[in-house]
Protein backbone atom coordinates (compact mmCIF):
# COMPACT_ATOMS: atom_id res chain seq x y z
CA MET A 1 -4.22 21.56 -1.88
CA SER A 2 -4.20 20.78 1.82
CA TYR A 3 -6.48 20.10 4.72
CA ARG A 4 -6.18 19.34 8.41
CA ALA A 5 -7.20 15.92 9.67
CA PRO A 6 -9.90 15.88 12.39
CA SER A 7 -7.60 15.21 15.33
CA THR A 8 -7.00 17.03 18.60
CA VAL A 9 -3.43 15.84 19.11
CA ALA A 10 -0.27 17.24 17.57
CA PRO A 11 1.26 16.88 15.11
CA SER A 12 -1.98 16.10 13.27
CA THR A 13 -1.44 17.78 9.91
CA VAL A 14 -2.35 15.79 6.82
CA GLU A 15 -1.59 17.47 3.51
CA ILE A 16 -1.72 16.68 -0.19
CA LEU A 17 1.58 17.77 -1.70
CA PRO A 18 2.36 18.55 -5.36
CA HIS A 19 2.73 15.59 -7.71
CA ASP A 20 0.20 13.42 -5.86
CA ALA A 21 2.03 12.81 -2.60
CA LEU A 22 0.31 12.57 0.78
CA ARG A 23 2.03 13.82 3.90
CA VAL A 24 0.75 12.29 7.14
CA GLY A 25 2.52 14.08 9.95
CA ASP A 26 6.14 14.02 8.74
CA VAL A 27 5.80 10.93 6.53
CA THR A 28 5.37 11.42 2.79
CA ILE A 29 3.50 8.59 1.08
CA THR A 30 2.93 7.99 -2.61
CA PHE A 31 0.52 5.41 -3.96
CA GLN A 32 2.30 3.74 -6.85
CA ARG A 33 0.50 2.22 -9.81
CA THR A 34 2.09 -1.08 -10.76
CA LEU A 35 1.48 -4.29 -12.64
CA ARG A 36 -0.46 -7.04 -10.96
CA ILE A 37 1.87 -10.02 -10.62
CA PRO A 38 0.53 -13.48 -11.53
CA ASP A 39 -0.90 -15.55 -8.70
CA ASP A 40 0.71 -18.76 -9.93
CA GLY A 41 2.37 -20.05 -6.76
CA ARG A 42 5.71 -18.42 -7.54
CA ARG A 43 7.25 -15.65 -5.43
CA TYR A 44 8.02 -12.67 -7.66
CA PRO A 45 10.56 -9.85 -7.26
CA LEU A 46 9.44 -6.27 -6.71
CA PRO A 47 7.66 -4.68 -9.69
CA PRO A 48 8.40 -1.03 -10.49
CA GLY A 49 6.21 2.00 -10.04
CA LEU A 50 4.34 2.95 -13.20
CA GLY A 51 3.24 6.39 -12.02
CA ARG A 52 1.34 7.69 -9.01
CA PHE A 53 -2.35 7.38 -8.32
CA PRO A 54 -3.99 10.82 -8.15
CA ILE A 55 -5.15 11.97 -4.70
CA ARG A 56 -7.97 14.36 -3.86
CA PRO A 57 -9.47 15.39 -0.50
CA VAL A 58 -12.96 14.11 0.25
CA GLU A 59 -13.91 17.68 1.16
CA ALA A 60 -13.37 18.78 -2.44
CA CYS A 61 -16.11 16.37 -3.61
CA GLY A 62 -18.78 18.17 -1.60
CA GLU A 63 -22.24 16.62 -1.66
CA ARG A 64 -21.21 14.28 -4.48
CA ALA A 65 -19.42 12.13 -1.89
CA PRO A 66 -21.58 9.63 0.04
CA ALA A 67 -22.39 10.57 3.62
CA ALA A 68 -20.28 7.72 5.03
CA MET A 69 -17.26 8.95 3.07
CA ARG A 70 -17.76 12.54 4.23
CA GLU A 71 -18.03 11.34 7.82
CA LYS A 72 -14.65 9.58 7.66
CA GLY A 73 -12.97 12.46 5.83
CA GLY A 74 -9.53 11.85 4.39
CA VAL A 75 -8.71 11.45 0.72
CA ILE A 76 -9.78 9.40 -2.30
CA ILE A 77 -7.79 7.60 -4.97
CA PRO A 78 -9.10 5.75 -8.06
CA MET A 79 -8.31 2.11 -8.87
CA TYR A 80 -9.56 -0.34 -11.44
CA GLN A 81 -10.90 -3.67 -10.30
CA ARG A 82 -7.96 -6.09 -9.93
CA GLU A 83 -5.44 -3.28 -10.24
CA ALA A 84 -2.35 -3.44 -7.99
CA MET A 85 -0.63 -0.81 -5.86
CA TRP A 86 2.37 -0.33 -3.62
CA LEU A 87 3.16 2.35 -1.05
CA GLN A 88 6.39 4.33 -1.02
CA PHE A 89 7.52 6.12 2.16
CA SER A 90 9.93 9.00 2.59
CA GLY A 91 10.82 11.47 5.31
CA PRO A 92 12.27 11.08 8.80
CA PRO A 93 11.83 7.88 10.84
CA ARG A 94 8.27 7.44 12.04
CA ALA A 95 6.20 4.51 13.29
CA LEU A 96 3.53 4.01 10.62
CA LYS A 97 0.44 1.84 10.96
CA VAL A 98 -1.15 0.60 7.73
CA GLY A 99 -4.67 -0.82 7.71
CA VAL A 100 -6.66 -2.46 4.92
CA GLY A 101 -10.36 -2.17 5.69
CA LYS A 102 -9.36 -1.50 9.34
CA VAL A 103 -7.38 -4.75 9.47
CA CYS A 104 -3.67 -4.37 10.25
CA ALA A 105 -1.65 -5.17 7.11
CA ILE A 106 1.23 -6.44 9.29
CA THR A 107 -0.49 -8.60 11.93
CA GLY A 108 -3.97 -9.27 10.55
CA GLY A 109 -5.49 -8.00 13.79
CA PRO A 110 -8.25 -5.38 14.08
CA TRP A 111 -7.35 -1.71 13.79
CA GLN A 112 -6.78 -0.33 17.29
CA SER A 113 -5.54 2.93 18.74
CA GLY A 114 -1.89 3.20 19.67
CA LEU A 115 1.05 0.95 18.82
CA SER A 116 1.63 -2.72 19.61
CA ALA A 117 5.02 -4.39 19.93
CA HIS A 118 4.08 -8.06 20.39
CA PRO A 119 3.38 -8.63 17.58
CA GLN A 120 4.72 -5.48 15.96
CA GLY A 121 1.77 -3.85 14.24
CA TYR A 122 3.55 -1.10 12.30
CA VAL A 123 6.49 -0.36 10.03
CA VAL A 124 9.23 2.20 10.61
CA THR A 125 9.79 4.63 7.76
CA GLY A 126 13.43 5.14 6.92
CA THR A 127 13.93 1.44 7.71
CA GLN A 128 10.94 0.26 5.60
CA PRO A 129 11.09 2.14 2.28
CA TRP A 130 7.93 0.63 0.81
CA LEU A 131 5.09 -1.79 1.38
CA ASP A 132 3.57 -3.83 -1.45
CA GLY A 133 1.03 -5.99 0.35
CA ILE A 134 -0.06 -7.89 3.44
CA ALA A 135 2.62 -9.67 5.48
CA THR A 136 2.01 -13.42 5.10
CA GLY A 137 5.41 -14.89 6.02
CA THR A 138 9.07 -14.18 6.64
CA GLY A 139 10.22 -12.27 3.57
CA THR A 140 6.88 -12.77 1.81
CA ILE A 141 3.88 -10.56 1.16
CA ARG A 142 0.77 -10.88 -0.98
CA GLN A 143 0.27 -7.95 -3.29
CA PHE A 144 -2.29 -5.20 -2.64
CA VAL A 145 -4.99 -5.61 -5.31
CA ALA A 146 -8.26 -3.64 -5.46
CA MET A 147 -11.63 -5.39 -5.39
CA PRO A 148 -15.17 -4.05 -4.88
CA LEU A 149 -16.78 -4.33 -1.48
CA GLY A 150 -19.64 -6.80 -1.11
CA MET A 151 -18.08 -9.71 -2.99
CA GLY A 152 -16.12 -11.23 -0.10
CA TYR A 153 -12.71 -10.98 -1.78
CA THR A 154 -11.07 -8.34 0.40
CA VAL A 155 -8.81 -8.98 3.39
CA GLU A 156 -11.40 -7.20 5.52
CA GLY A 157 -14.22 -9.43 4.29
CA GLN A 158 -12.32 -12.66 4.85
CA LEU A 159 -10.99 -11.85 8.32
CA THR A 160 -13.97 -9.96 9.78
CA GLY A 161 -16.90 -11.50 7.91
CA GLU A 162 -18.12 -8.13 6.63
CA GLU A 163 -16.99 -5.36 4.30
CA ARG A 164 -17.88 -2.07 5.96
CA HIS A 165 -14.81 0.11 5.65
CA GLY A 166 -12.66 -0.69 2.62
CA GLY A 167 -9.80 1.57 1.63
CA LEU A 168 -6.53 2.12 3.48
CA GLN A 169 -5.92 3.57 6.92
CA LEU A 170 -2.66 5.34 7.79
CA GLU A 171 -1.46 6.59 11.17
CA ALA A 172 2.02 8.01 11.81
CA PHE A 173 3.65 8.46 15.22
CA ALA A 174 6.54 10.87 15.78
CA PRO A 175 9.43 10.08 18.13
CA LYS A 176 9.70 11.57 21.56
CA PRO A 177 11.79 14.77 21.53
CA GLY A 178 15.50 14.31 20.94
CA ARG A 179 15.34 10.60 20.14
CA LEU A 180 16.18 10.31 16.43
CA LEU A 181 17.93 11.91 13.49
CA PRO A 182 16.54 11.49 9.95
CA PRO A 183 18.26 8.98 7.63
CA ALA A 184 18.79 9.25 3.89
CA PRO A 185 15.70 8.12 1.95
CA GLY A 186 15.58 4.79 0.13
CA GLU A 187 15.02 4.65 -3.63
CA ARG A 188 13.11 2.29 -5.88
CA ALA A 189 13.34 3.23 -9.49
CA CYS A 190 11.44 3.42 -12.51
CA ALA A 191 8.38 4.99 -13.93
CA VAL A 192 8.04 3.24 -17.28
CA SER A 193 6.25 4.58 -20.35
CA PHE A 194 4.10 2.29 -22.46
CA GLY A 195 1.93 2.65 -25.51
CA ALA A 196 -1.72 1.68 -25.45
CA ALA A 197 -2.57 -0.30 -22.35
CA ALA A 198 -3.86 -3.83 -22.64
CA PRO A 199 -7.59 -4.25 -21.95
CA MET A 200 -8.65 -5.53 -18.56
CA PRO A 201 -9.96 -9.12 -18.43
CA PRO A 202 -13.72 -9.64 -18.04
CA CYS A 203 -14.74 -9.72 -14.41
CA ALA A 204 -17.63 -9.21 -12.02
CA PRO A 205 -19.59 -5.91 -12.02
CA ARG A 206 -17.76 -2.95 -10.51
CA ALA A 207 -18.83 -1.04 -7.42
CA ALA A 208 -17.94 2.47 -6.28
CA ALA A 209 -16.35 1.53 -2.93
CA MET A 210 -13.23 -0.62 -3.12
CA GLY A 211 -11.08 -2.53 -0.64
CA LEU A 212 -7.78 -4.37 -0.88
CA ALA A 213 -7.58 -8.08 -1.55
CA ALA A 214 -4.60 -10.46 -1.67
CA GLY A 215 -2.81 -10.93 -4.99
CA GLY A 216 0.25 -12.92 -5.96
CA ARG A 217 3.23 -13.65 -3.72
CA MET A 218 6.18 -11.28 -3.68
CA THR A 219 9.58 -11.20 -2.00
CA GLN A 220 9.53 -8.44 0.60
CA SER A 221 10.58 -8.31 4.24
CA ILE A 222 8.85 -6.38 7.00
CA TYR A 223 11.63 -5.16 9.28
CA PRO A 224 11.49 -5.03 13.06
CA ASP A 225 11.54 -1.63 14.75
CA PRO A 226 15.26 -0.83 15.23
CA HIS A 227 14.49 1.92 17.74
CA GLY A 228 12.01 0.19 20.08
CA ILE A 229 8.39 1.01 20.75
CA ASP A 230 9.31 3.33 23.64
CA THR A 231 10.87 5.70 21.09
CA TRP A 232 7.45 6.77 19.78
CA ASP A 233 5.21 9.37 21.33
CA PRO A 234 1.62 8.00 21.45
CA GLU A 235 0.23 11.56 21.53
CA ALA A 236 2.25 12.90 18.57
CA ARG A 237 0.31 11.27 15.77
CA ALA A 238 -1.47 12.02 12.52
CA ARG A 239 -3.90 9.82 10.64
CA CYS A 240 -5.71 9.65 7.32
CA PHE A 241 -8.43 7.47 5.82
CA VAL A 242 -7.68 6.69 2.16
CA HIS A 243 -10.88 5.81 0.31
CA ILE A 244 -10.44 3.70 -2.81
CA VAL A 245 -13.10 4.23 -5.45
CA ALA A 246 -13.71 2.58 -8.81
CA SER A 247 -12.36 4.65 -11.65
CA GLU A 248 -15.88 5.34 -12.98
CA ALA A 249 -16.87 6.74 -9.57
CA TRP A 250 -13.75 8.94 -9.62
CA ARG A 251 -15.16 10.77 -12.65
CA GLU A 252 -18.47 11.37 -10.86
CA LEU A 253 -16.84 12.50 -7.61
CA THR A 254 -14.10 14.75 -8.98
CA GLY A 255 -15.15 15.64 -12.53
CA GLU A 256 -11.73 14.38 -13.69
CA GLU A 257 -10.89 11.55 -16.03
CA PRO A 258 -9.43 8.47 -14.28
CA PRO A 259 -5.98 7.18 -15.21
CA ALA A 260 -5.58 4.84 -18.18
CA THR A 261 -6.19 1.16 -17.61
CA PRO A 262 -3.24 -0.64 -16.01
CA ILE A 263 -0.58 -2.58 -17.88
CA THR A 264 -0.55 -6.37 -17.55
CA ALA A 265 2.39 -8.40 -16.28
CA LYS A 266 2.57 -10.28 -19.58
CA THR A 267 2.88 -7.06 -21.60
CA TYR A 268 5.52 -5.78 -19.19
CA ALA A 269 7.53 -8.99 -19.51
CA GLN A 270 7.31 -8.87 -23.32
CA HIS A 271 9.08 -5.51 -23.20
CA GLY A 272 11.88 -7.02 -21.07
CA TYR A 273 11.65 -4.35 -18.39
CA PRO A 274 13.39 -4.98 -15.04
CA TRP A 275 12.09 -6.13 -11.69
CA PHE A 276 13.88 -5.40 -8.42
CA GLU A 277 15.45 -7.30 -5.53
CA LEU A 278 16.58 -5.64 -2.31
CA ASP A 279 19.97 -6.77 -1.00
CA ASP A 280 18.77 -7.29 2.57
CA ALA A 281 19.65 -10.91 3.37
CA HIS A 282 21.57 -9.70 6.44
CA GLN A 283 18.57 -7.75 7.73
CA PRO A 284 16.24 -9.35 10.32
CA ALA A 285 12.60 -9.67 9.27
CA LEU A 286 9.30 -10.14 11.04
CA PRO A 287 7.77 -13.61 10.66
CA GLY A 288 4.52 -12.50 9.02
CA SER A 289 0.99 -13.18 10.19
CA GLU A 290 -0.79 -16.53 10.32
CA LYS A 291 -4.09 -14.67 10.03
CA LEU A 292 -2.99 -12.93 6.87
CA ALA A 293 -1.48 -16.14 5.52
CA SER A 294 -4.95 -17.70 5.78
CA VAL A 295 -6.48 -15.08 3.47
CA LYS A 296 -7.38 -16.54 0.08
CA SER A 297 -6.01 -14.74 -2.92
CA ILE A 298 -8.22 -13.39 -5.69
CA ALA A 299 -7.34 -16.34 -7.92
CA GLU A 300 -8.18 -18.78 -5.13
CA LYS A 301 -11.52 -17.05 -4.54
CA ASP A 302 -12.22 -17.10 -8.28
CA THR A 303 -11.49 -20.81 -8.45
CA ALA A 304 -13.69 -21.59 -5.45
CA THR A 305 -16.58 -19.60 -6.94
CA PHE A 306 -16.26 -20.00 -10.70
CA GLY A 307 -14.02 -23.05 -11.07
CA ALA A 308 -11.09 -21.10 -12.54
CA PRO A 309 -9.38 -17.71 -12.21
CA LEU A 310 -11.12 -14.88 -14.09
CA SER A 311 -7.83 -13.27 -15.04
CA ASP A 312 -4.64 -14.50 -16.68
CA GLU A 313 -2.33 -15.99 -14.03
CA SER A 314 0.26 -17.43 -16.42
CA PRO A 315 3.87 -17.21 -15.18
CA VAL A 316 6.00 -14.43 -16.64
CA PRO A 317 9.82 -14.17 -16.87
CA THR A 318 11.52 -11.67 -14.58
CA PHE A 319 14.79 -9.77 -14.89
CA PRO A 320 15.69 -8.71 -11.34
CA VAL A 321 17.97 -5.76 -10.67
CA LYS A 322 19.68 -5.81 -7.27
CA LEU A 323 19.07 -2.74 -5.08
CA LEU A 324 21.57 -2.07 -2.30
CA ARG A 325 20.34 -0.93 1.09
CA ARG A 326 21.92 2.20 2.49
CA LEU A 327 25.09 1.08 4.27
CA GLY A 328 25.33 3.95 6.74
CA PHE A 329 26.63 7.48 7.17
CA VAL A 330 30.19 8.35 6.13
CA ARG A 331 32.45 10.27 8.51
CA ASP A 332 34.48 13.16 7.17
CA GLY A 333 38.19 13.42 8.09
CA GLN A 334 41.12 15.78 7.75
CA TRP A 335 42.15 16.47 4.14
């Protein structure tokens, strides 16, 4: 299942690969289902991937898709309200912009064409193996969590005052010819099997179009570009709009059943499954965005509106497993 993004510059190929992976240019991206960490003031380690969100092209939905979705093109994925996600990247080094409702997930600025270095408004795949949320401080992100548009919870709604776009925006830039060699990919383990999923907590009515809001705090660094912005060719780019729809709307759009409801952090902790820490203390990190740090989390918005969070934010124990960063290539000798 593949399609070509509406772009006149090369390389502009966007393709859905087997096993629910999205290739944007030369970058392969998977959208990982995960547990939503508690928003309790603590900074949690990295949760594992619990399977991939399914991906379908908007074109395959035909007239069932709203006109605004068909105009933007791209792909759709289903998420439950208050469900969390992280992005995994593989492939050769590329400069990759990530937007949430056309707000840069790294700087908090508006989505703009091209790349910016001051502040750096992109990640570099091969250096950045994954992204779990918006960059709010040095070594700290707030988790990507889905919320319906129109309620004012999303990053887009809080920073722009309106919720028009939703979803995720991805744009990958290739290097100028002869600049880079591909590194070995990074790994983050662990699809975990569970029995029956815990029910979702009661919450506000669902809507078809979803955006990304700020969840709990997590330990994750956004690394500076080790190659420099001049490495990247501004004309060699590919982009894709990732629409997020409520799981009920997924059934109407695709005719397929949505994934099972997500597991809760408390249930995960009761099983004693591991969390992850990346051994990157020696690695420089970007300072995060003051704009994004000002975004209220879902629990904070709940409390301001209803007087208390509408979901369980109780602390849970964690059992971190240390992940080593790739240390470098090994030279062969005479033997």
